[in-house]
């Protein structure tokens, strides 16, 4: 159920996923217990699947066009890189979309050089985070 109260709770959690139930309740005009129950319901419905943090590191969006079909090997290789925020197997222009977070261009360059063993890529970098 996506009512206005749930939308308000989700909006507040997007801004601060570590807010206490009591403070969240104050912001949306519910008790801390009522907020906690709504959040549990949102989790049970699959609307909330986890809580995350926002970082200030630059995010780089890398579209990978594979040169081989050893996808399991590639995905395992990706798991060795701690700066990877997420990887999606995609359809369309590329095979994978990687979100890589770092402010160190040498680290990014090293990753991209290693990536060439698997295929070509297109790189876009975040200039400013909007939401």
C-alpha atoms as a PDB file:
ATOM      1  CA  UNK A   1       0.000   0.000   0.000  1.00  0.00           C
ATOM      2  CA  UNK A   2       1.579   3.266  -1.150  1.00  0.00           C
ATOM      3  CA  UNK A   3      -0.342   5.922   0.764  1.00  0.00           C
ATOM      4  CA  UNK A   4       0.893   9.434   1.490  1.00  0.00           C
ATOM      5  CA  UNK A   5       2.285   8.421   4.879  1.00  0.00           C
ATOM      6  CA  UNK A   6       4.398   5.633   3.365  1.00  0.00           C
ATOM      7  CA  UNK A   7       5.607   8.060   0.699  1.00  0.00           C
ATOM      8  CA  UNK A   8       6.607  10.539   3.423  1.00  0.00           C
ATOM      9  CA  UNK A   9       8.452   7.793   5.321  1.00  0.00           C
ATOM     10  CA  UNK A  10      10.301   6.714   2.181  1.00  0.00           C
ATOM     11  CA  UNK A  11      11.241  10.321   1.392  1.00  0.00           C
ATOM     12  CA  UNK A  12      12.679  10.788   4.902  1.00  0.00           C
ATOM     13  CA  UNK A  13      14.572   7.486   4.761  1.00  0.00           C
ATOM     14  CA  UNK A  14      16.097   8.463   1.397  1.00  0.00           C
ATOM     15  CA  UNK A  15      17.473  11.588   3.088  1.00  0.00           C
ATOM     16  CA  UNK A  16      18.713   9.766   6.191  1.00  0.00           C
ATOM     17  CA  UNK A  17      18.567   5.977   6.358  1.00  0.00           C
ATOM     18  CA  UNK A  18      20.002   6.035   9.905  1.00  0.00           C
ATOM     19  CA  UNK A  19      17.313   8.223  11.453  1.00  0.00           C
ATOM     20  CA  UNK A  20      15.818   6.794  14.643  1.00  0.00           C
ATOM     21  CA  UNK A  21      12.205   5.604  14.586  1.00  0.00           C
ATOM     22  CA  UNK A  22      11.381   8.294  17.132  1.00  0.00           C
ATOM     23  CA  UNK A  23      12.860  11.134  15.029  1.00  0.00           C
ATOM     24  CA  UNK A  24      11.342   9.726  11.856  1.00  0.00           C
ATOM     25  CA  UNK A  25       7.977   9.573  13.597  1.00  0.00           C
ATOM     26  CA  UNK A  26       8.251  13.222  14.586  1.00  0.00           C
ATOM     27  CA  UNK A  27       8.996  14.216  11.004  1.00  0.00           C
ATOM     28  CA  UNK A  28       5.974  12.352   9.582  1.00  0.00           C
ATOM     29  CA  UNK A  29       3.672  12.923  12.580  1.00  0.00           C
ATOM     30  CA  UNK A  30       3.483   9.317  13.843  1.00  0.00           C
ATOM     31  CA  UNK A  31       4.775   7.556  16.935  1.00  0.00           C
ATOM     32  CA  UNK A  32       8.116   5.786  16.726  1.00  0.00           C
ATOM     33  CA  UNK A  33       6.343   2.423  17.084  1.00  0.00           C
ATOM     34  CA  UNK A  34       3.901   3.218  14.274  1.00  0.00           C
ATOM     35  CA  UNK A  35       6.768   4.237  11.974  1.00  0.00           C
ATOM     36  CA  UNK A  36       8.723   1.075  12.804  1.00  0.00           C
ATOM     37  CA  UNK A  37       5.684  -1.044  11.953  1.00  0.00           C
ATOM     38  CA  UNK A  38       5.156   0.753   8.638  1.00  0.00           C
ATOM     39  CA  UNK A  39       8.825   0.294   7.742  1.00  0.00           C
ATOM     40  CA  UNK A  40       8.564  -3.443   8.572  1.00  0.00           C
ATOM     41  CA  UNK A  41       5.497  -3.651   6.286  1.00  0.00           C
ATOM     42  CA  UNK A  42       7.373  -1.846   3.494  1.00  0.00           C
ATOM     43  CA  UNK A  43      10.213  -4.330   3.904  1.00  0.00           C
ATOM     44  CA  UNK A  44       7.813  -7.294   3.846  1.00  0.00           C
ATOM     45  CA  UNK A  45       6.258  -5.931   0.634  1.00  0.00           C
ATOM     46  CA  UNK A  46       9.703  -5.636  -0.963  1.00  0.00           C
ATOM     47  CA  UNK A  47       9.455  -1.858  -1.302  1.00  0.00           C
ATOM     48  CA  UNK A  48      12.391  -1.394   1.082  1.00  0.00           C
ATOM     49  CA  UNK A  49      15.066  -3.999   0.450  1.00  0.00           C
ATOM     50  CA  UNK A  50      17.884  -2.425   2.403  1.00  0.00           C
ATOM     51  CA  UNK A  51      19.362   0.753   3.774  1.00  0.00           C
ATOM     52  CA  UNK A  52      22.368   2.420   2.198  1.00  0.00           C
ATOM     53  CA  UNK A  53      24.617   5.410   2.561  1.00  0.00           C
ATOM     54  CA  UNK A  54      25.375   8.251   0.182  1.00  0.00           C
ATOM     55  CA  UNK A  55      29.007   8.949  -0.475  1.00  0.00           C
ATOM     56  CA  UNK A  56      30.768  12.006  -1.727  1.00  0.00           C
ATOM     57  CA  UNK A  57      33.102  10.026  -4.027  1.00  0.00           C
ATOM     58  CA  UNK A  58      32.688  10.601  -7.750  1.00  0.00           C
ATOM     59  CA  UNK A  59      30.597   7.928  -9.413  1.00  0.00           C
ATOM     60  CA  UNK A  60      31.623   6.628 -12.813  1.00  0.00           C
ATOM     61  CA  UNK A  61      29.154   4.800 -15.044  1.00  0.00           C
ATOM     62  CA  UNK A  62      30.863   2.205 -17.212  1.00  0.00           C
ATOM     63  CA  UNK A  63      29.011   0.442 -20.009  1.00  0.00           C
ATOM     64  CA  UNK A  64      30.844  -2.773 -20.906  1.00  0.00           C
ATOM     65  CA  UNK A  65      30.641  -4.413 -24.324  1.00  0.00           C
ATOM     66  CA  UNK A  66      31.933  -7.952 -23.803  1.00  0.00           C
ATOM     67  CA  UNK A  67      34.464  -9.546 -26.180  1.00  0.00           C
ATOM     68  CA  UNK A  68      33.895 -13.040 -24.799  1.00  0.00           C
ATOM     69  CA  UNK A  69      31.049 -15.061 -23.305  1.00  0.00           C
ATOM     70  CA  UNK A  70      32.708 -16.073 -20.022  1.00  0.00           C
ATOM     71  CA  UNK A  71      30.127 -14.127 -18.037  1.00  0.00           C
ATOM     72  CA  UNK A  72      30.549 -16.077 -14.778  1.00  0.00           C
ATOM     73  CA  UNK A  73      34.316 -15.476 -14.897  1.00  0.00           C
ATOM     74  CA  UNK A  74      33.759 -11.766 -15.561  1.00  0.00           C
ATOM     75  CA  UNK A  75      31.211 -11.426 -12.765  1.00  0.00           C
ATOM     76  CA  UNK A  76      33.585 -13.182 -10.369  1.00  0.00           C
ATOM     77  CA  UNK A  77      36.382 -10.797 -11.396  1.00  0.00           C
ATOM     78  CA  UNK A  78      34.094  -7.829 -10.708  1.00  0.00           C
ATOM     79  CA  UNK A  79      33.504  -9.102  -7.176  1.00  0.00           C
ATOM     80  CA  UNK A  80      37.184  -8.492  -6.379  1.00  0.00           C
ATOM     81  CA  UNK A  81      36.878  -4.707  -6.773  1.00  0.00           C
ATOM     82  CA  UNK A  82      35.745  -2.855  -3.630  1.00  0.00           C
ATOM     83  CA  UNK A  83      35.032   0.438  -5.427  1.00  0.00           C
ATOM     84  CA  UNK A  84      32.201  -1.110  -7.424  1.00  0.00           C
ATOM     85  CA  UNK A  85      28.857   0.076  -6.042  1.00  0.00           C
ATOM     86  CA  UNK A  86      26.688  -1.965  -8.368  1.00  0.00           C
ATOM     87  CA  UNK A  87      26.678  -4.020 -11.558  1.00  0.00           C
ATOM     88  CA  UNK A  88      23.675  -4.687 -13.760  1.00  0.00           C
ATOM     89  CA  UNK A  89      23.555  -7.067 -16.701  1.00  0.00           C
ATOM     90  CA  UNK A  90      21.799  -5.036 -19.357  1.00  0.00           C
ATOM     91  CA  UNK A  91      20.251  -5.257 -22.774  1.00  0.00           C
ATOM     92  CA  UNK A  92      20.617  -2.609 -25.428  1.00  0.00           C
ATOM     93  CA  UNK A  93      23.865  -0.770 -26.028  1.00  0.00           C
ATOM     94  CA  UNK A  94      26.037  -2.813 -23.689  1.00  0.00           C
ATOM     95  CA  UNK A  95      26.238  -6.068 -21.762  1.00  0.00           C
ATOM     96  CA  UNK A  96      26.837  -4.639 -18.269  1.00  0.00           C
ATOM     97  CA  UNK A  97      26.522  -1.299 -16.493  1.00  0.00           C
ATOM     98  CA  UNK A  98      29.005  -0.781 -13.669  1.00  0.00           C
ATOM     99  CA  UNK A  99      28.788   2.018 -11.106  1.00  0.00           C
ATOM    100  CA  UNK A 100      32.335   2.612  -9.863  1.00  0.00           C
ATOM    101  CA  UNK A 101      33.013   5.134  -7.063  1.00  0.00           C
ATOM    102  CA  UNK A 102      36.397   6.765  -6.626  1.00  0.00           C
ATOM    103  CA  UNK A 103      38.033  10.189  -6.626  1.00  0.00           C
ATOM    104  CA  UNK A 104      41.413   8.659  -7.435  1.00  0.00           C
ATOM    105  CA  UNK A 105      41.918   8.757 -11.204  1.00  0.00           C
ATOM    106  CA  UNK A 106      44.900   6.388 -10.971  1.00  0.00           C
ATOM    107  CA  UNK A 107      42.687   3.750  -9.334  1.00  0.00           C
ATOM    108  CA  UNK A 108      40.006   4.254 -11.990  1.00  0.00           C
ATOM    109  CA  UNK A 109      42.607   4.020 -14.775  1.00  0.00           C
ATOM    110  CA  UNK A 110      43.981   0.764 -13.329  1.00  0.00           C
ATOM    111  CA  UNK A 111      40.462  -0.730 -13.192  1.00  0.00           C
ATOM    112  CA  UNK A 112      39.690   0.367 -16.763  1.00  0.00           C
ATOM    113  CA  UNK A 113      42.987  -1.075 -18.031  1.00  0.00           C
ATOM    114  CA  UNK A 114      42.172  -4.442 -16.419  1.00  0.00           C
ATOM    115  CA  UNK A 115      38.632  -4.234 -17.797  1.00  0.00           C
ATOM    116  CA  UNK A 116      39.995  -4.249 -21.359  1.00  0.00           C
ATOM    117  CA  UNK A 117      40.817  -7.969 -21.008  1.00  0.00           C
ATOM    118  CA  UNK A 118      37.047  -8.574 -21.029  1.00  0.00           C
ATOM    119  CA  UNK A 119      35.841  -6.067 -23.594  1.00  0.00           C
ATOM    120  CA  UNK A 120      35.524  -2.457 -24.558  1.00  0.00           C
ATOM    121  CA  UNK A 121      33.737   0.164 -22.505  1.00  0.00           C
ATOM    122  CA  UNK A 122      32.152   3.601 -22.523  1.00  0.00           C
ATOM    123  CA  UNK A 123      32.715   5.826 -19.497  1.00  0.00           C
ATOM    124  CA  UNK A 124      30.506   8.593 -18.149  1.00  0.00           C
ATOM    125  CA  UNK A 125      31.274  10.347 -14.877  1.00  0.00           C
ATOM    126  CA  UNK A 126      28.970  12.154 -12.502  1.00  0.00           C
ATOM    127  CA  UNK A 127      29.331  15.906 -12.413  1.00  0.00           C
ATOM    128  CA  UNK A 128      26.780  16.547  -9.662  1.00  0.00           C
ATOM    129  CA  UNK A 129      24.346  14.323  -7.773  1.00  0.00           C
ATOM    130  CA  UNK A 130      20.763  15.568  -8.044  1.00  0.00           C
ATOM    131  CA  UNK A 131      18.837  13.032  -5.918  1.00  0.00           C
END
